[in-house]
Amino acid sequence: MKLVLAIAAALAFAALPFLSGSNYIVGVGTSALIFTVAAAALNLIYGFTGLLSFAQLGFWGIGGYATALTVVTFGGNFWTGVLAAAAINAVVALVVGYPMLRTSRHAFVISTLTFALLVSLIARDWVDLTRGPLGIPDLPPPRAFGHVFSSTHQFYGIAWAFSVAMLAFLYVLCSSRIGRTLVAIKQNEPLVRAQGISPMPYKLAAFSISAAITGAAGGVFVFHLGIVDPLILDFYYMQTFLIIVIIGGTGSFWGVVVSGVALSALPEALRFSDDFRMIIYGVILVVAMFAMPSGVAGWLRERELARLRASLR
């Protein structure tokens, strides 16, 4: 049933450019799709593996710069740039993740935050490569089979196809034996070791896959914006991804997907009050956390359990 609803929702999103002629609405839809992918990637390492990683912000920025530099500096195209972003992030995650994952969970959080801050400093200060605060503007639109995806409506198709592919991959991964092993590691790592399973390869693989998908999403996003600069590493993005995961329910694939779409569109729906828009948004988030401390998915599970208990009385 969930899969049928997901396919229907994907098809409905595919129709958005045909239902609206507004570049603004389609642009919001594009951002929602990309943010949902990045949040789902964070959910893999945080929700399923139980490791809060602020390094996702660094991978997001590396992906944006890697894609842009591949096109502008190294003569590649958008498609090879996105692949390069994913590959570079996967390798970087393996290199930095191995020593990070050997520390305690608290030390892991601090070290990932340090990594994100280091990437931000490199983006700002390595002027010869990143052009510093000026960034890399006027990114050329993607091309494929002689077609130029120059308009917002055309680029939406790229974002939609990318999001569907990444979310389908994550769904298969999270539903597999690997996903169940990650959940077991999160819940009781000593017990997993007692079963003869080494947690490190699983955690390192989850960290690397999450980094690769986040980097690819960052690459797609900067071409949606048409520019990459140090602002791509603003903590706003990490905050957005984390809020989506928490409200959707950590460890819930579908909860995070629904939350990603809803929370990406909510600030725009509140534009009827420019002065109080973000205040209202904050109040809604606070109320949601008080009402559903385990997220939407956790709240639904609790209601289902309560209904089952009531039926057994």
C-alpha atoms as a PDB file:
ATOM      1  CA  MET A   1       0.000   0.000   0.000  1.00  0.00           C
ATOM      2  CA  LYS A   2       2.798   2.394   0.922  1.00  0.00           C
ATOM      3  CA  LEU A   3       4.578   1.653  -2.344  1.00  0.00           C
ATOM      4  CA  VAL A   4       1.424   2.341  -4.366  1.00  0.00           C
ATOM      5  CA  LEU A   5       0.948   5.670  -2.570  1.00  0.00           C
ATOM      6  CA  ALA A   6       4.619   6.518  -3.161  1.00  0.00           C
ATOM      7  CA  ILE A   7       4.321   5.854  -6.905  1.00  0.00           C
ATOM      8  CA  ALA A   8       1.150   7.945  -7.060  1.00  0.00           C
ATOM      9  CA  ALA A   9       2.869  10.788  -5.178  1.00  0.00           C
ATOM     10  CA  ALA A  10       5.915  10.605  -7.479  1.00  0.00           C
ATOM     11  CA  LEU A  11       3.680  10.842 -10.551  1.00  0.00           C
ATOM     12  CA  ALA A  12       1.788  13.755  -8.991  1.00  0.00           C
ATOM     13  CA  PHE A  13       5.072  15.585  -8.414  1.00  0.00           C
ATOM     14  CA  ALA A  14       6.133  14.848 -11.978  1.00  0.00           C
ATOM     15  CA  ALA A  15       3.035  16.707 -13.160  1.00  0.00           C
ATOM     16  CA  LEU A  16       3.810  19.908 -11.217  1.00  0.00           C
ATOM     17  CA  PRO A  17       5.426  21.806 -14.149  1.00  0.00           C
ATOM     18  CA  PHE A  18       2.338  21.056 -16.263  1.00  0.00           C
ATOM     19  CA  LEU A  19      -0.062  22.167 -13.520  1.00  0.00           C
ATOM     20  CA  SER A  20       1.636  25.475 -12.742  1.00  0.00           C
ATOM     21  CA  GLY A  21       3.194  28.058 -15.019  1.00  0.00           C
ATOM     22  CA  SER A  22       4.790  29.852 -12.059  1.00  0.00           C
ATOM     23  CA  ASN A  23       8.579  29.623 -11.930  1.00  0.00           C
ATOM     24  CA  TYR A  24       8.361  30.392  -8.216  1.00  0.00           C
ATOM     25  CA  ILE A  25       6.118  27.412  -7.373  1.00  0.00           C
ATOM     26  CA  VAL A  26       8.131  25.046  -9.564  1.00  0.00           C
ATOM     27  CA  GLY A  27      11.349  26.368  -8.001  1.00  0.00           C
ATOM     28  CA  VAL A  28       9.991  25.639  -4.511  1.00  0.00           C
ATOM     29  CA  GLY A  29       9.092  22.141  -5.711  1.00  0.00           C
ATOM     30  CA  THR A  30      12.640  21.651  -6.999  1.00  0.00           C
ATOM     31  CA  SER A  31      14.134  22.692  -3.655  1.00  0.00           C
ATOM     32  CA  ALA A  32      11.688  20.420  -1.797  1.00  0.00           C
ATOM     33  CA  LEU A  33      12.758  17.412  -3.855  1.00  0.00           C
ATOM     34  CA  ILE A  34      16.479  18.040  -3.334  1.00  0.00           C
ATOM     35  CA  PHE A  35      16.114  18.786   0.392  1.00  0.00           C
ATOM     36  CA  THR A  36      14.106  15.598   0.857  1.00  0.00           C
ATOM     37  CA  VAL A  37      16.912  13.544  -0.699  1.00  0.00           C
ATOM     38  CA  ALA A  38      19.516  15.205   1.539  1.00  0.00           C
ATOM     39  CA  ALA A  39      17.328  14.643   4.621  1.00  0.00           C
ATOM     40  CA  ALA A  40      16.775  10.987   3.676  1.00  0.00           C
ATOM     41  CA  ALA A  41      20.564  10.594   3.374  1.00  0.00           C
ATOM     42  CA  LEU A  42      20.984  12.114   6.858  1.00  0.00           C
ATOM     43  CA  ASN A  43      18.294   9.725   8.105  1.00  0.00           C
ATOM     44  CA  LEU A  44      20.434   6.790   6.940  1.00  0.00           C
ATOM     45  CA  ILE A  45      23.310   7.716   9.244  1.00  0.00           C
ATOM     46  CA  TYR A  46      21.310   9.371  12.053  1.00  0.00           C
ATOM     47  CA  GLY A  47      17.934   7.630  12.035  1.00  0.00           C
ATOM     48  CA  PHE A  48      19.039   4.105  11.121  1.00  0.00           C
ATOM     49  CA  THR A  49      22.589   3.982  12.468  1.00  0.00           C
ATOM     50  CA  GLY A  50      22.073   6.315  15.432  1.00  0.00           C
ATOM     51  CA  LEU A  51      24.979   8.637  14.659  1.00  0.00           C
ATOM     52  CA  LEU A  52      24.254  12.371  14.534  1.00  0.00           C
ATOM     53  CA  SER A  53      26.495  13.687  11.758  1.00  0.00           C
ATOM     54  CA  PHE A  54      26.983  17.398  11.107  1.00  0.00           C
ATOM     55  CA  ALA A  55      29.473  16.377   8.418  1.00  0.00           C
ATOM     56  CA  GLN A  56      26.490  16.238   6.045  1.00  0.00           C
ATOM     57  CA  LEU A  57      26.757  20.018   5.714  1.00  0.00           C
ATOM     58  CA  GLY A  58      30.386  19.656   4.613  1.00  0.00           C
ATOM     59  CA  PHE A  59      29.480  16.926   2.113  1.00  0.00           C
ATOM     60  CA  TRP A  60      26.633  19.118   0.793  1.00  0.00           C
ATOM     61  CA  GLY A  61      29.114  21.954   0.169  1.00  0.00           C
ATOM     62  CA  ILE A  62      31.821  19.703  -1.279  1.00  0.00           C
ATOM     63  CA  GLY A  63      29.244  18.279  -3.682  1.00  0.00           C
ATOM     64  CA  GLY A  64      28.199  21.734  -4.813  1.00  0.00           C
ATOM     65  CA  TYR A  65      31.755  22.908  -5.420  1.00  0.00           C
ATOM     66  CA  ALA A  66      32.885  19.624  -6.994  1.00  0.00           C
ATOM     67  CA  THR A  67      30.056  19.706  -9.532  1.00  0.00           C
ATOM     68  CA  ALA A  68      30.572  23.370 -10.375  1.00  0.00           C
ATOM     69  CA  LEU A  69      34.354  23.057 -10.692  1.00  0.00           C
ATOM     70  CA  THR A  70      34.025  19.961 -12.878  1.00  0.00           C
ATOM     71  CA  VAL A  71      31.983  22.007 -15.353  1.00  0.00           C
ATOM     72  CA  VAL A  72      33.602  25.450 -15.123  1.00  0.00           C
ATOM     73  CA  THR A  73      37.264  24.660 -14.404  1.00  0.00           C
ATOM     74  CA  PHE A  74      37.895  21.120 -15.634  1.00  0.00           C
ATOM     75  CA  GLY A  75      35.788  21.122 -18.791  1.00  0.00           C
ATOM     76  CA  GLY A  76      33.301  18.439 -17.799  1.00  0.00           C
ATOM     77  CA  ASN A  77      29.526  18.558 -17.913  1.00  0.00           C
ATOM     78  CA  PHE A  78      26.772  18.590 -15.315  1.00  0.00           C
ATOM     79  CA  TRP A  79      26.295  14.813 -15.326  1.00  0.00           C
ATOM     80  CA  THR A  80      29.961  13.969 -14.805  1.00  0.00           C
ATOM     81  CA  GLY A  81      30.069  16.724 -12.194  1.00  0.00           C
ATOM     82  CA  VAL A  82      27.299  15.105 -10.119  1.00  0.00           C
ATOM     83  CA  LEU A  83      29.005  11.722 -10.402  1.00  0.00           C
ATOM     84  CA  ALA A  84      32.328  13.301  -9.393  1.00  0.00           C
ATOM     85  CA  ALA A  85      30.648  14.953  -6.414  1.00  0.00           C
ATOM     86  CA  ALA A  86      29.267  11.603  -5.254  1.00  0.00           C
ATOM     87  CA  ALA A  87      32.590   9.800  -5.772  1.00  0.00           C
ATOM     88  CA  ILE A  88      34.697  12.482  -4.054  1.00  0.00           C
ATOM     89  CA  ASN A  89      32.370  12.590  -1.065  1.00  0.00           C
ATOM     90  CA  ALA A  90      32.340   8.806  -0.772  1.00  0.00           C
ATOM     91  CA  VAL A  91      36.148   8.737  -0.669  1.00  0.00           C
ATOM     92  CA  VAL A  92      36.386  11.680   1.746  1.00  0.00           C
ATOM     93  CA  ALA A  93      33.809  10.023   4.016  1.00  0.00           C
ATOM     94  CA  LEU A  94      35.822   6.806   4.071  1.00  0.00           C
ATOM     95  CA  VAL A  95      39.032   8.675   4.910  1.00  0.00           C
ATOM     96  CA  VAL A  96      37.628  10.905   7.673  1.00  0.00           C
ATOM     97  CA  GLY A  97      34.941   8.476   8.798  1.00  0.00           C
ATOM     98  CA  TYR A  98      37.260   5.657   9.843  1.00  0.00           C
ATOM     99  CA  PRO A  99      38.963   7.568  12.670  1.00  0.00           C
ATOM    100  CA  MET A 100      35.735   9.419  13.586  1.00  0.00           C
ATOM    101  CA  LEU A 101      33.719   6.226  13.956  1.00  0.00           C
ATOM    102  CA  ARG A 102      36.315   4.743  16.303  1.00  0.00           C
ATOM    103  CA  THR A 103      35.507   7.436  18.867  1.00  0.00           C
ATOM    104  CA  SER A 104      32.507   7.658  21.211  1.00  0.00           C
ATOM    105  CA  ARG A 105      29.164   8.882  19.887  1.00  0.00           C
ATOM    106  CA  HIS A 106      29.628  12.284  21.558  1.00  0.00           C
ATOM    107  CA  ALA A 107      33.116  12.702  20.150  1.00  0.00           C
ATOM    108  CA  PHE A 108      31.780  11.670  16.739  1.00  0.00           C
ATOM    109  CA  VAL A 109      29.267  14.552  16.799  1.00  0.00           C
ATOM    110  CA  ILE A 110      31.983  17.092  17.697  1.00  0.00           C
ATOM    111  CA  SER A 111      34.409  15.786  15.068  1.00  0.00           C
ATOM    112  CA  THR A 112      31.762  15.898  12.312  1.00  0.00           C
ATOM    113  CA  LEU A 113      30.928  19.484  13.274  1.00  0.00           C
ATOM    114  CA  THR A 114      34.633  20.342  13.109  1.00  0.00           C
ATOM    115  CA  PHE A 115      34.808  18.775   9.641  1.00  0.00           C
ATOM    116  CA  ALA A 116      31.874  20.898   8.429  1.00  0.00           C
ATOM    117  CA  LEU A 117      33.498  24.066   9.772  1.00  0.00           C
ATOM    118  CA  LEU A 118      36.800  23.130   8.096  1.00  0.00           C
ATOM    119  CA  VAL A 119      35.080  22.698   4.727  1.00  0.00           C
ATOM    120  CA  SER A 120      33.448  26.112   5.201  1.00  0.00           C
ATOM    121  CA  LEU A 121      36.856  27.718   5.877  1.00  0.00           C
ATOM    122  CA  ILE A 122      38.361  26.070   2.785  1.00  0.00           C
ATOM    123  CA  ALA A 123      35.477  27.306   0.622  1.00  0.00           C
ATOM    124  CA  ARG A 124      35.982  30.841   1.878  1.00  0.00           C
ATOM    125  CA  ASP A 125      39.779  31.045   1.995  1.00  0.00           C
ATOM    126  CA  TRP A 126      41.087  28.828  -0.848  1.00  0.00           C
ATOM    127  CA  VAL A 127      40.501  31.598  -3.352  1.00  0.00           C
ATOM    128  CA  ASP A 128      42.557  30.065  -6.175  1.00  0.00           C
ATOM    129  CA  LEU A 129      40.210  27.087  -6.314  1.00  0.00           C
ATOM    130  CA  THR A 130      36.838  28.271  -4.998  1.00  0.00           C
ATOM    131  CA  ARG A 131      37.143  32.006  -5.793  1.00  0.00           C
ATOM    132  CA  GLY A 132      36.425  32.727  -2.160  1.00  0.00           C
ATOM    133  CA  PRO A 133      33.423  34.874  -1.198  1.00  0.00           C
ATOM    134  CA  LEU A 134      32.807  35.694  -4.875  1.00  0.00           C
ATOM    135  CA  GLY A 135      31.935  32.085  -5.571  1.00  0.00           C
ATOM    136  CA  ILE A 136      31.360  30.630  -9.022  1.00  0.00           C
ATOM    137  CA  PRO A 137      28.414  32.409 -10.667  1.00  0.00           C
ATOM    138  CA  ASP A 138      26.585  31.872 -13.967  1.00  0.00           C
ATOM    139  CA  LEU A 139      26.728  28.088 -13.936  1.00  0.00           C
ATOM    140  CA  PRO A 140      25.712  26.831 -17.387  1.00  0.00           C
ATOM    141  CA  PRO A 141      22.439  24.888 -17.661  1.00  0.00           C
ATOM    142  CA  PRO A 142      22.717  21.103 -18.013  1.00  0.00           C
ATOM    143  CA  ARG A 143      22.587  19.548 -21.486  1.00  0.00           C
ATOM    144  CA  ALA A 144      21.505  16.093 -22.587  1.00  0.00           C
ATOM    145  CA  PHE A 145      20.989  14.671 -26.089  1.00  0.00           C
ATOM    146  CA  GLY A 146      21.281  18.147 -27.596  1.00  0.00           C
ATOM    147  CA  HIS A 147      18.643  19.588 -25.256  1.00  0.00           C
ATOM    148  CA  VAL A 148      19.427  22.464 -22.886  1.00  0.00           C
ATOM    149  CA  PHE A 149      17.607  22.469 -19.532  1.00  0.00           C
ATOM    150  CA  SER A 150      17.668  26.234 -19.275  1.00  0.00           C
ATOM    151  CA  SER A 151      14.327  27.050 -17.631  1.00  0.00           C
ATOM    152  CA  THR A 152      13.095  26.316 -14.121  1.00  0.00           C
ATOM    153  CA  HIS A 153      10.388  24.029 -15.504  1.00  0.00           C
ATOM    154  CA  GLN A 154      12.915  22.032 -17.522  1.00  0.00           C
ATOM    155  CA  PHE A 155      15.391  21.722 -14.642  1.00  0.00           C
ATOM    156  CA  TYR A 156      12.571  20.433 -12.435  1.00  0.00           C
ATOM    157  CA  GLY A 157      12.574  17.254 -14.525  1.00  0.00           C
ATOM    158  CA  ILE A 158      16.227  16.650 -13.606  1.00  0.00           C
ATOM    159  CA  ALA A 159      15.539  17.241  -9.909  1.00  0.00           C
ATOM    160  CA  TRP A 160      12.506  14.931 -10.011  1.00  0.00           C
ATOM    161  CA  ALA A 161      14.377  12.076 -11.753  1.00  0.00           C
ATOM    162  CA  PHE A 162      17.347  12.465  -9.403  1.00  0.00           C
ATOM    163  CA  SER A 163      15.106  12.452  -6.310  1.00  0.00           C
ATOM    164  CA  VAL A 164      13.109   9.410  -7.400  1.00  0.00           C
ATOM    165  CA  ALA A 165      16.297   7.465  -8.166  1.00  0.00           C
ATOM    166  CA  MET A 166      18.006   8.354  -4.878  1.00  0.00           C
ATOM    167  CA  LEU A 167      14.941   7.768  -2.714  1.00  0.00           C
ATOM    168  CA  ALA A 168      14.276   4.417  -4.418  1.00  0.00           C
ATOM    169  CA  PHE A 169      17.882   3.381  -3.756  1.00  0.00           C
ATOM    170  CA  LEU A 170      17.657   4.431  -0.099  1.00  0.00           C
ATOM    171  CA  TYR A 171      14.337   2.633   0.328  1.00  0.00           C
ATOM    172  CA  VAL A 172      15.774  -0.619  -1.004  1.00  0.00           C
ATOM    173  CA  LEU A 173      18.871  -0.218   1.175  1.00  0.00           C
ATOM    174  CA  CYS A 174      16.940   0.606   4.355  1.00  0.00           C
ATOM    175  CA  SER A 175      14.509  -2.277   3.763  1.00  0.00           C
ATOM    176  CA  SER A 176      17.291  -4.807   3.206  1.00  0.00           C
ATOM    177  CA  ARG A 177      19.289  -6.908   5.653  1.00  0.00           C
ATOM    178  CA  ILE A 178      21.857  -4.107   5.725  1.00  0.00           C
ATOM    179  CA  GLY A 179      19.218  -1.635   6.905  1.00  0.00           C
ATOM    180  CA  ARG A 180      18.028  -4.029   9.612  1.00  0.00           C
ATOM    181  CA  THR A 181      21.616  -4.540  10.748  1.00  0.00           C
ATOM    182  CA  LEU A 182      22.107  -0.775  11.008  1.00  0.00           C
ATOM    183  CA  VAL A 183      18.999  -0.513  13.205  1.00  0.00           C
ATOM    184  CA  ALA A 184      20.326  -3.337  15.387  1.00  0.00           C
ATOM    185  CA  ILE A 185      23.651  -1.494  15.749  1.00  0.00           C
ATOM    186  CA  LYS A 186      21.770   1.628  16.781  1.00  0.00           C
ATOM    187  CA  GLN A 187      19.672  -0.185  19.381  1.00  0.00           C
ATOM    188  CA  ASN A 188      22.271  -2.520  20.913  1.00  0.00           C
ATOM    189  CA  GLU A 189      25.780  -2.526  19.483  1.00  0.00           C
ATOM    190  CA  PRO A 190      27.248  -4.937  22.091  1.00  0.00           C
ATOM    191  CA  LEU A 191      24.561  -7.487  21.218  1.00  0.00           C
ATOM    192  CA  VAL A 192      25.403  -7.142  17.518  1.00  0.00           C
ATOM    193  CA  ARG A 193      29.069  -7.814  18.329  1.00  0.00           C
ATOM    194  CA  ALA A 194      28.018 -10.836  20.363  1.00  0.00           C
ATOM    195  CA  GLN A 195      26.344 -12.220  17.228  1.00  0.00           C
ATOM    196  CA  GLY A 196      29.694 -12.133  15.415  1.00  0.00           C
ATOM    197  CA  ILE A 197      28.921  -9.002  13.355  1.00  0.00           C
ATOM    198  CA  SER A 198      31.503  -6.218  13.180  1.00  0.00           C
ATOM    199  CA  PRO A 199      29.632  -2.858  13.324  1.00  0.00           C
ATOM    200  CA  MET A 200      32.460  -0.775  11.839  1.00  0.00           C
ATOM    201  CA  PRO A 201      32.088  -1.817   8.154  1.00  0.00           C
ATOM    202  CA  TYR A 202      28.333  -1.201   8.345  1.00  0.00           C
ATOM    203  CA  LYS A 203      28.700   2.200   9.978  1.00  0.00           C
ATOM    204  CA  LEU A 204      31.466   3.238   7.588  1.00  0.00           C
ATOM    205  CA  ALA A 205      29.424   2.113   4.574  1.00  0.00           C
ATOM    206  CA  ALA A 206      26.351   4.028   5.821  1.00  0.00           C
ATOM    207  CA  PHE A 207      28.485   7.132   6.408  1.00  0.00           C
ATOM    208  CA  SER A 208      30.038   6.915   2.939  1.00  0.00           C
ATOM    209  CA  ILE A 209      26.752   6.239   1.097  1.00  0.00           C
ATOM    210  CA  SER A 210      25.047   9.057   2.973  1.00  0.00           C
ATOM    211  CA  ALA A 211      27.921  11.406   2.066  1.00  0.00           C
ATOM    212  CA  ALA A 212      27.813  10.444  -1.620  1.00  0.00           C
ATOM    213  CA  ILE A 213      24.054  11.048  -1.912  1.00  0.00           C
ATOM    214  CA  THR A 214      24.264  14.327   0.018  1.00  0.00           C
ATOM    215  CA  GLY A 215      27.102  15.525  -2.217  1.00  0.00           C
ATOM    216  CA  ALA A 216      25.189  14.652  -5.385  1.00  0.00           C
ATOM    217  CA  ALA A 217      22.153  16.513  -4.007  1.00  0.00           C
ATOM    218  CA  GLY A 218      24.356  19.541  -3.301  1.00  0.00           C
ATOM    219  CA  GLY A 219      25.619  19.425  -6.890  1.00  0.00           C
ATOM    220  CA  VAL A 220      22.102  19.394  -8.307  1.00  0.00           C
ATOM    221  CA  PHE A 221      21.053  22.200  -5.969  1.00  0.00           C
ATOM    222  CA  VAL A 222      23.802  24.659  -6.954  1.00  0.00           C
ATOM    223  CA  PHE A 223      22.869  24.262 -10.623  1.00  0.00           C
ATOM    224  CA  HIS A 224      19.281  24.968  -9.633  1.00  0.00           C
ATOM    225  CA  LEU A 225      20.532  28.203  -8.026  1.00  0.00           C
ATOM    226  CA  GLY A 226      22.970  28.943 -10.876  1.00  0.00           C
ATOM    227  CA  ILE A 227      25.784  29.822  -8.442  1.00  0.00           C
ATOM    228  CA  VAL A 228      27.916  28.237  -5.740  1.00  0.00           C
ATOM    229  CA  ASP A 229      29.601  30.270  -3.011  1.00  0.00           C
ATOM    230  CA  PRO A 230      30.423  29.806   0.699  1.00  0.00           C
ATOM    231  CA  LEU A 231      26.752  30.411   1.570  1.00  0.00           C
ATOM    232  CA  ILE A 232      26.069  26.858   0.379  1.00  0.00           C
ATOM    233  CA  LEU A 233      27.706  25.884   3.681  1.00  0.00           C
ATOM    234  CA  ASP A 234      25.384  28.049   5.779  1.00  0.00           C
ATOM    235  CA  PHE A 235      24.145  26.128   8.821  1.00  0.00           C
ATOM    236  CA  TYR A 236      20.593  26.823   7.622  1.00  0.00           C
ATOM    237  CA  TYR A 237      20.846  23.804   5.326  1.00  0.00           C
ATOM    238  CA  MET A 238      21.974  21.423   8.078  1.00  0.00           C
ATOM    239  CA  GLN A 239      19.249  22.787  10.320  1.00  0.00           C
ATOM    240  CA  THR A 240      16.656  22.154   7.598  1.00  0.00           C
ATOM    241  CA  PHE A 241      17.767  18.561   7.008  1.00  0.00           C
ATOM    242  CA  LEU A 242      17.824  17.825  10.738  1.00  0.00           C
ATOM    243  CA  ILE A 243      14.376  19.324  11.341  1.00  0.00           C
ATOM    244  CA  ILE A 244      12.940  17.246   8.495  1.00  0.00           C
ATOM    245  CA  VAL A 245      14.366  14.039  10.013  1.00  0.00           C
ATOM    246  CA  ILE A 246      13.232  14.837  13.563  1.00  0.00           C
ATOM    247  CA  ILE A 247       9.699  15.883  12.604  1.00  0.00           C
ATOM    248  CA  GLY A 248       9.312  12.950  10.219  1.00  0.00           C
ATOM    249  CA  GLY A 249      10.628  10.490  12.791  1.00  0.00           C
ATOM    250  CA  THR A 250      14.216   9.289  13.020  1.00  0.00           C
ATOM    251  CA  GLY A 251      14.572   5.887  11.454  1.00  0.00           C
ATOM    252  CA  SER A 252      11.333   6.176   9.468  1.00  0.00           C
ATOM    253  CA  PHE A 253      11.947   6.294   5.722  1.00  0.00           C
ATOM    254  CA  TRP A 254       8.431   7.337   4.668  1.00  0.00           C
ATOM    255  CA  GLY A 255       8.015   9.717   7.609  1.00  0.00           C
ATOM    256  CA  VAL A 256      11.125  11.640   6.551  1.00  0.00           C
ATOM    257  CA  VAL A 257      10.035  11.752   2.890  1.00  0.00           C
ATOM    258  CA  VAL A 258       6.604  13.172   3.755  1.00  0.00           C
ATOM    259  CA  SER A 259       8.138  15.575   6.275  1.00  0.00           C
ATOM    260  CA  GLY A 260      10.698  16.751   3.705  1.00  0.00           C
ATOM    261  CA  VAL A 261       8.057  17.717   1.179  1.00  0.00           C
ATOM    262  CA  ALA A 262       5.783  19.322   3.779  1.00  0.00           C
ATOM    263  CA  LEU A 263       8.414  21.306   5.667  1.00  0.00           C
ATOM    264  CA  SER A 264      10.083  22.536   2.467  1.00  0.00           C
ATOM    265  CA  ALA A 265       6.767  23.971   1.287  1.00  0.00           C
ATOM    266  CA  LEU A 266       5.515  25.241   4.679  1.00  0.00           C
ATOM    267  CA  PRO A 267       7.656  28.440   4.882  1.00  0.00           C
ATOM    268  CA  GLU A 268       6.427  29.404   1.419  1.00  0.00           C
ATOM    269  CA  ALA A 269       2.801  28.723   2.368  1.00  0.00           C
ATOM    270  CA  LEU A 270       3.239  31.157   5.285  1.00  0.00           C
ATOM    271  CA  ARG A 271       4.233  34.067   3.062  1.00  0.00           C
ATOM    272  CA  PHE A 272       0.816  35.633   3.649  1.00  0.00           C
ATOM    273  CA  SER A 273       2.559  37.230   6.661  1.00  0.00           C
ATOM    274  CA  ASP A 274       6.058  38.376   5.722  1.00  0.00           C
ATOM    275  CA  ASP A 275       6.674  39.929   9.140  1.00  0.00           C
ATOM    276  CA  PHE A 276       5.728  36.871  11.177  1.00  0.00           C
ATOM    277  CA  ARG A 277       6.333  34.082   8.656  1.00  0.00           C
ATOM    278  CA  MET A 278       9.369  32.518  10.334  1.00  0.00           C
ATOM    279  CA  ILE A 279       7.931  33.096  13.812  1.00  0.00           C
ATOM    280  CA  ILE A 280       4.812  31.127  12.845  1.00  0.00           C
ATOM    281  CA  TYR A 281       7.028  28.463  11.295  1.00  0.00           C
ATOM    282  CA  GLY A 282       9.022  28.179  14.516  1.00  0.00           C
ATOM    283  CA  VAL A 283       5.886  27.968  16.639  1.00  0.00           C
ATOM    284  CA  ILE A 284       4.532  25.170  14.412  1.00  0.00           C
ATOM    285  CA  LEU A 285       7.793  23.228  14.820  1.00  0.00           C
ATOM    286  CA  VAL A 286       7.805  23.663  18.609  1.00  0.00           C
ATOM    287  CA  VAL A 287       4.171  22.579  18.913  1.00  0.00           C
ATOM    288  CA  ALA A 288       4.844  19.594  16.651  1.00  0.00           C
ATOM    289  CA  MET A 289       7.767  18.503  18.830  1.00  0.00           C
ATOM    290  CA  PHE A 290       5.735  18.802  22.027  1.00  0.00           C
ATOM    291  CA  ALA A 291       2.782  16.939  20.501  1.00  0.00           C
ATOM    292  CA  MET A 292       4.900  14.324  18.702  1.00  0.00           C
ATOM    293  CA  PRO A 293       8.302  13.990  20.441  1.00  0.00           C
ATOM    294  CA  SER A 294       9.135  10.885  18.410  1.00  0.00           C
ATOM    295  CA  GLY A 295       8.075  12.482  15.125  1.00  0.00           C
ATOM    296  CA  VAL A 296       5.066  11.882  12.936  1.00  0.00           C
ATOM    297  CA  ALA A 297       6.008   8.241  12.327  1.00  0.00           C
ATOM    298  CA  GLY A 298       6.470   7.599  16.055  1.00  0.00           C
ATOM    299  CA  TRP A 299       3.143   9.250  16.849  1.00  0.00           C
ATOM    300  CA  LEU A 300       1.360   7.066  14.296  1.00  0.00           C
ATOM    301  CA  ARG A 301       3.032   3.944  15.722  1.00  0.00           C
ATOM    302  CA  GLU A 302       1.925   4.876  19.248  1.00  0.00           C
ATOM    303  CA  ARG A 303      -1.662   5.388  18.082  1.00  0.00           C
ATOM    304  CA  GLU A 304      -1.636   2.006  16.325  1.00  0.00           C
ATOM    305  CA  LEU A 305      -0.283   0.296  19.456  1.00  0.00           C
ATOM    306  CA  ALA A 306      -2.906   2.005  21.599  1.00  0.00           C
ATOM    307  CA  ARG A 307      -5.611   0.819  19.213  1.00  0.00           C
ATOM    308  CA  LEU A 308      -4.285  -2.766  19.348  1.00  0.00           C
ATOM    309  CA  ARG A 309      -4.160  -2.709  23.160  1.00  0.00           C
ATOM    310  CA  ALA A 310      -7.716  -1.410  23.282  1.00  0.00           C
ATOM    311  CA  SER A 311      -8.920  -4.186  20.963  1.00  0.00           C
ATOM    312  CA  LEU A 312      -7.323  -6.861  23.204  1.00  0.00           C
ATOM    313  CA  ARG A 313      -9.115  -5.745  26.337  1.00  0.00           C
END
